[in-house]
C-alpha atoms as a PDB file:
ATOM      1  CA  MET A   1      85.954  98.263 117.549  1.00  0.00           C
ATOM      2  CA  GLY A   2      87.263 100.735 115.297  1.00  0.00           C
ATOM      3  CA  LEU A   3      86.272  98.528 110.946  1.00  0.00           C
ATOM      4  CA  GLU A   4      83.676  97.102 113.057  1.00  0.00           C
ATOM      5  CA  GLY A   5      81.962 101.270 113.421  1.00  0.00           C
ATOM      6  CA  LEU A   6      83.018 101.839 109.778  1.00  0.00           C
ATOM      7  CA  TYR A   7      81.533  98.858 108.431  1.00  0.00           C
ATOM      8  CA  ARG A   8      77.920  99.564 111.233  1.00  0.00           C
ATOM      9  CA  SER A   9      78.082 103.132 110.083  1.00  0.00           C
ATOM     10  CA  LYS A  10      76.780 102.163 106.972  1.00  0.00           C
ATOM     11  CA  ILE A  11      78.922 103.978 104.819  1.00  0.00           C
ATOM     12  CA  PHE A  12      81.593 101.029 103.605  1.00  0.00           C
ATOM     13  CA  GLU A  13      79.442  97.722 102.447  1.00  0.00           C
ATOM     14  CA  ARG A  14      83.317  96.301 102.814  1.00  0.00           C
ATOM     15  CA  VAL A  15      85.880  96.387 105.093  1.00  0.00           C
ATOM     16  CA  VAL A  16      89.018  94.270 105.745  1.00  0.00           C
ATOM     17  CA  LEU A  17      92.234  94.274 108.056  1.00  0.00           C
ATOM     18  CA  THR A  18      95.139  92.661 106.837  1.00  0.00           C
ATOM     19  CA  MET A  19      98.051  91.862 109.693  1.00  0.00           C
ATOM     20  CA  LEU A  20     101.949  90.912 109.713  1.00  0.00           C
ATOM     21  CA  THR A  21     102.103  88.100 110.920  1.00  0.00           C
ATOM     22  CA  SER A  22     104.128  87.673 114.252  1.00  0.00           C
ATOM     23  CA  THR A  23     107.117  86.501 112.096  1.00  0.00           C
ATOM     24  CA  GLU A  24     106.426  89.403 110.099  1.00  0.00           C
ATOM     25  CA  ASP A  25     106.823  87.470 106.831  1.00  0.00           C
ATOM     26  CA  ARG A  26     103.150  87.385 105.286  1.00  0.00           C
ATOM     27  CA  LEU A  27     100.037  89.919 105.416  1.00  0.00           C
ATOM     28  CA  GLU A  28      97.029  88.181 106.180  1.00  0.00           C
ATOM     29  CA  THR A  29      93.242  88.925 106.415  1.00  0.00           C
ATOM     30  CA  ARG A  30      92.385  89.149 110.467  1.00  0.00           C
ATOM     31  CA  LEU A  31      89.100  90.274 110.249  1.00  0.00           C
ATOM     32  CA  SER A  32      86.589  91.380 107.878  1.00  0.00           C
ATOM     33  CA  TYR A  33      82.716  92.966 107.300  1.00  0.00           C
ATOM     34  CA  GLY A  34      80.223  92.746 104.620  1.00  0.00           C
ATOM     35  CA  LYS A  35      78.351  90.091 102.357  1.00  0.00           C
ATOM     36  CA  LYS A  36      80.424  87.927 100.929  1.00  0.00           C
ATOM     37  CA  ILE A  37      83.361  89.048 101.877  1.00  0.00           C
ATOM     38  CA  LYS A  38      84.409  85.803 103.669  1.00  0.00           C
ATOM     39  CA  ASP A  39      85.271  84.222 100.374  1.00  0.00           C
ATOM     40  CA  LEU A  40      87.699  87.118  99.645  1.00  0.00           C
ATOM     41  CA  GLN A  41      90.258  87.093 102.589  1.00  0.00           C
ATOM     42  CA  GLY A  42      92.596  84.980 100.433  1.00  0.00           C
ATOM     43  CA  VAL A  43      93.068  87.942  98.421  1.00  0.00           C
ATOM     44  CA  PHE A  44      94.499  89.898 100.677  1.00  0.00           C
ATOM     45  CA  ASN A  45      97.297  87.748 102.013  1.00  0.00           C
ATOM     46  CA  CYS A  46     100.790  87.735  99.955  1.00  0.00           C
ATOM     47  CA  ALA A  47     104.714  87.678 101.230  1.00  0.00           C
ATOM     48  CA  ARG A  48     106.419  90.688 101.875  1.00  0.00           C
ATOM     49  CA  LYS A  49     109.041  89.789  99.663  1.00  0.00           C
ATOM     50  CA  ASP A  50     106.351  89.386  97.098  1.00  0.00           C
ATOM     51  CA  PRO A  51     105.585  92.432  94.349  1.00  0.00           C
ATOM     52  CA  CYS A  52     102.439  92.595  96.219  1.00  0.00           C
ATOM     53  CA  PHE A  53     100.170  95.426  95.704  1.00  0.00           C
ATOM     54  CA  LEU A  54      99.720  95.945  99.063  1.00  0.00           C
ATOM     55  CA  ASN A  55     103.097  96.027 100.232  1.00  0.00           C
ATOM     56  CA  ALA A  56     103.669  99.182  98.374  1.00  0.00           C
ATOM     57  CA  ILE A  57     100.631 100.215 100.082  1.00  0.00           C
ATOM     58  CA  LEU A  58     101.830  99.039 103.597  1.00  0.00           C
ATOM     59  CA  LEU A  59     105.035 101.557 102.963  1.00  0.00           C
ATOM     60  CA  LYS A  60     102.408 104.491 102.778  1.00  0.00           C
ATOM     61  CA  SER A  61     102.172 107.455 105.678  1.00  0.00           C
ATOM     62  CA  LYS A  62      98.391 108.374 105.043  1.00  0.00           C
ATOM     63  CA  PRO A  63      94.906 107.118 103.404  1.00  0.00           C
ATOM     64  CA  MET A  64      94.931 106.894 100.002  1.00  0.00           C
ATOM     65  CA  LYS A  65      91.654 107.626  97.936  1.00  0.00           C
ATOM     66  CA  LEU A  66      91.665 105.064  94.380  1.00  0.00           C
ATOM     67  CA  GLU A  67      88.782 106.273  92.455  1.00  0.00           C
ATOM     68  CA  SER A  68      89.565 103.154  89.938  1.00  0.00           C
ATOM     69  CA  LEU A  69      91.612 100.634  91.189  1.00  0.00           C
ATOM     70  CA  GLU A  70      91.294  99.755  86.815  1.00  0.00           C
ATOM     71  CA  HIS A  71      93.690 102.893  86.797  1.00  0.00           C
ATOM     72  CA  ASP A  72      95.359 102.920  90.118  1.00  0.00           C
ATOM     73  CA  GLY A  73      96.768 100.431  90.516  1.00  0.00           C
ATOM     74  CA  LYS A  74      97.641  98.176  87.301  1.00  0.00           C
ATOM     75  CA  GLN A  75     101.854  98.471  88.167  1.00  0.00           C
ATOM     76  CA  HIS A  76     101.693  96.072  89.861  1.00  0.00           C
ATOM     77  CA  PRO A  77     102.187  92.771  89.018  1.00  0.00           C
ATOM     78  CA  SER A  78      99.518  90.543  91.672  1.00  0.00           C
ATOM     79  CA  PHE A  79      96.799  93.587  90.775  1.00  0.00           C
ATOM     80  CA  SER A  80      94.850  91.936  88.256  1.00  0.00           C
ATOM     81  CA  GLU A  81      93.951  88.647  90.632  1.00  0.00           C
ATOM     82  CA  PHE A  82      93.011  91.580  93.499  1.00  0.00           C
ATOM     83  CA  LEU A  83      91.064  93.168  90.950  1.00  0.00           C
ATOM     84  CA  GLU A  84      89.373  90.430  89.955  1.00  0.00           C
ATOM     85  CA  HIS A  85      87.971  89.244  92.702  1.00  0.00           C
ATOM     86  CA  TRP A  86      87.271  92.352  94.921  1.00  0.00           C
ATOM     87  CA  GLY A  87      86.138  94.560  91.708  1.00  0.00           C
ATOM     88  CA  ALA A  88      87.174  97.851  90.594  1.00  0.00           C
ATOM     89  CA  GLU A  89      85.347  99.943  92.622  1.00  0.00           C
ATOM     90  CA  PRO A  90      86.708 103.409  93.989  1.00  0.00           C
ATOM     91  CA  CYS A  91      88.092 102.027  97.550  1.00  0.00           C
ATOM     92  CA  LEU A  92      90.084 103.577 100.403  1.00  0.00           C
ATOM     93  CA  PHE A  93      93.415 102.143 101.675  1.00  0.00           C
ATOM     94  CA  GLY A  94      94.487 102.500 105.363  1.00  0.00           C
ATOM     95  CA  PRO A  95      97.756 101.838 106.320  1.00  0.00           C
ATOM     96  CA  LEU A  96      98.333 100.844 109.930  1.00  0.00           C
ATOM     97  CA  TRP A  97     101.177 101.983 111.562  1.00  0.00           C
ATOM     98  CA  ALA A  98     103.509 101.143 115.392  1.00  0.00           C
ATOM     99  CA  LYS A  99     106.957 101.211 116.490  1.00  0.00           C
ATOM    100  CA  ASN A 100     107.622 103.391 113.430  1.00  0.00           C
ATOM    101  CA  ARG A 101     106.652 100.945 110.985  1.00  0.00           C
ATOM    102  CA  GLY A 102     103.725  99.170 108.745  1.00  0.00           C
ATOM    103  CA  VAL A 103     102.185  96.383 110.161  1.00  0.00           C
ATOM    104  CA  GLY A 104      98.816  96.782 108.266  1.00  0.00           C
ATOM    105  CA  ILE A 105      96.214  98.006 106.012  1.00  0.00           C
ATOM    106  CA  VAL A 106      92.618  98.756 106.296  1.00  0.00           C
ATOM    107  CA  ILE A 107      90.767  99.007 103.401  1.00  0.00           C
ATOM    108  CA  ALA A 108      86.700 100.382 102.793  1.00  0.00           C
ATOM    109  CA  ASP A 109      84.365 100.336  99.491  1.00  0.00           C
ATOM    110  CA  ARG A 110      81.560 100.614  99.578  1.00  0.00           C
ATOM    111  CA  GLY A 111      81.008  96.998  97.786  1.00  0.00           C
ATOM    112  CA  ILE A 112      78.672  96.152  94.598  1.00  0.00           C
ATOM    113  CA  SER A 113      76.556  99.373  94.851  1.00  0.00           C
ATOM    114  CA  ARG A 114      79.289 101.505  93.172  1.00  0.00           C
ATOM    115  CA  LYS A 115      78.303 104.124  94.918  1.00  0.00           C
ATOM    116  CA  GLU A 116      80.684 106.784  94.746  1.00  0.00           C
ATOM    117  CA  ILE A 117      83.252 107.122  97.824  1.00  0.00           C
ATOM    118  CA  GLU A 118      82.446 111.124  99.183  1.00  0.00           C
ATOM    119  CA  GLU A 119      85.231 113.619 100.631  1.00  0.00           C
ATOM    120  CA  SER A 120      83.390 113.571 104.166  1.00  0.00           C
ATOM    121  CA  ASP A 121      83.665 109.527 103.965  1.00  0.00           C
ATOM    122  CA  TYR A 122      87.192 109.977 102.899  1.00  0.00           C
ATOM    123  CA  ALA A 123      87.396 112.404 106.064  1.00  0.00           C
ATOM    124  CA  PHE A 124      85.582 109.726 108.857  1.00  0.00           C
ATOM    125  CA  PHE A 125      87.505 106.764 107.367  1.00  0.00           C
ATOM    126  CA  SER A 126      90.928 108.768 107.769  1.00  0.00           C
ATOM    127  CA  MET A 127      89.420 110.130 111.852  1.00  0.00           C
ATOM    128  CA  VAL A 128      88.367 106.522 112.434  1.00  0.00           C
ATOM    129  CA  LEU A 129      92.428 105.182 111.244  1.00  0.00           C
ATOM    130  CA  SER A 130      94.006 107.697 112.921  1.00  0.00           C
ATOM    131  CA  GLN A 131      91.637 106.889 115.954  1.00  0.00           C
ATOM    132  CA  ILE A 132      93.228 103.094 115.491  1.00  0.00           C
ATOM    133  CA  ASN A 133      97.080 104.011 115.079  1.00  0.00           C
ATOM    134  CA  ALA A 134      97.146 105.820 117.980  1.00  0.00           C
ATOM    135  CA  ASN A 135      96.282 103.051 119.982  1.00  0.00           C
ATOM    136  CA  LEU A 136      98.549 100.455 117.893  1.00  0.00           C
ATOM    137  CA  SER A 137     101.284 103.068 118.753  1.00  0.00           C
ATOM    138  CA  ARG A 138      99.908 103.645 122.364  1.00  0.00           C
ATOM    139  CA  LEU A 139     100.061  99.417 122.879  1.00  0.00           C
ATOM    140  CA  ALA A 140     103.803  99.388 121.009  1.00  0.00           C
ATOM    141  CA  THR A 141     104.850 102.128 123.664  1.00  0.00           C
ATOM    142  CA  LYS A 142     102.883 100.488 126.843  1.00  0.00           C
ATOM    143  CA  ARG A 143     104.571  96.816 126.409  1.00  0.00           C
ATOM    144  CA  ASN A 144     108.414  98.868 125.190  1.00  0.00           C
ATOM    145  CA  LEU A 145     108.129 100.059 128.906  1.00  0.00           C
ATOM    146  CA  SER A 146     106.493  96.862 130.252  1.00  0.00           C
ATOM    147  CA  SER A 147     109.649  94.226 128.781  1.00  0.00           C
END
């Protein structure tokens, strides 16, 4: 619901959720919202053992706002493929956590409109992300207690 809320807010034109598979060896696209986003789903999939820039984001503890993907992410080998398909527009990346480990990433931007991401947009994204993370933590704790 949180991801759909990000998209329906009309602030973000593209929103993607990529999650670790149950075997934890791959990040794979689970949900996506936006125009022509279905064509991009493979861009968000990568093996945990690969030097994929998404794996580096998965280790972060808080959301990231990148003003220019072209400038901010080039140090990662797989970044050029992502950039080619997604574009260089300003973008937000939010790591998802459960049981003190990264389990996924939320990616959102203004799409091809190339509108700047305002601080209020970043604050809204961060608030939604914190609610998703709180729910993931609660569900992981509940699952441990019932096991």
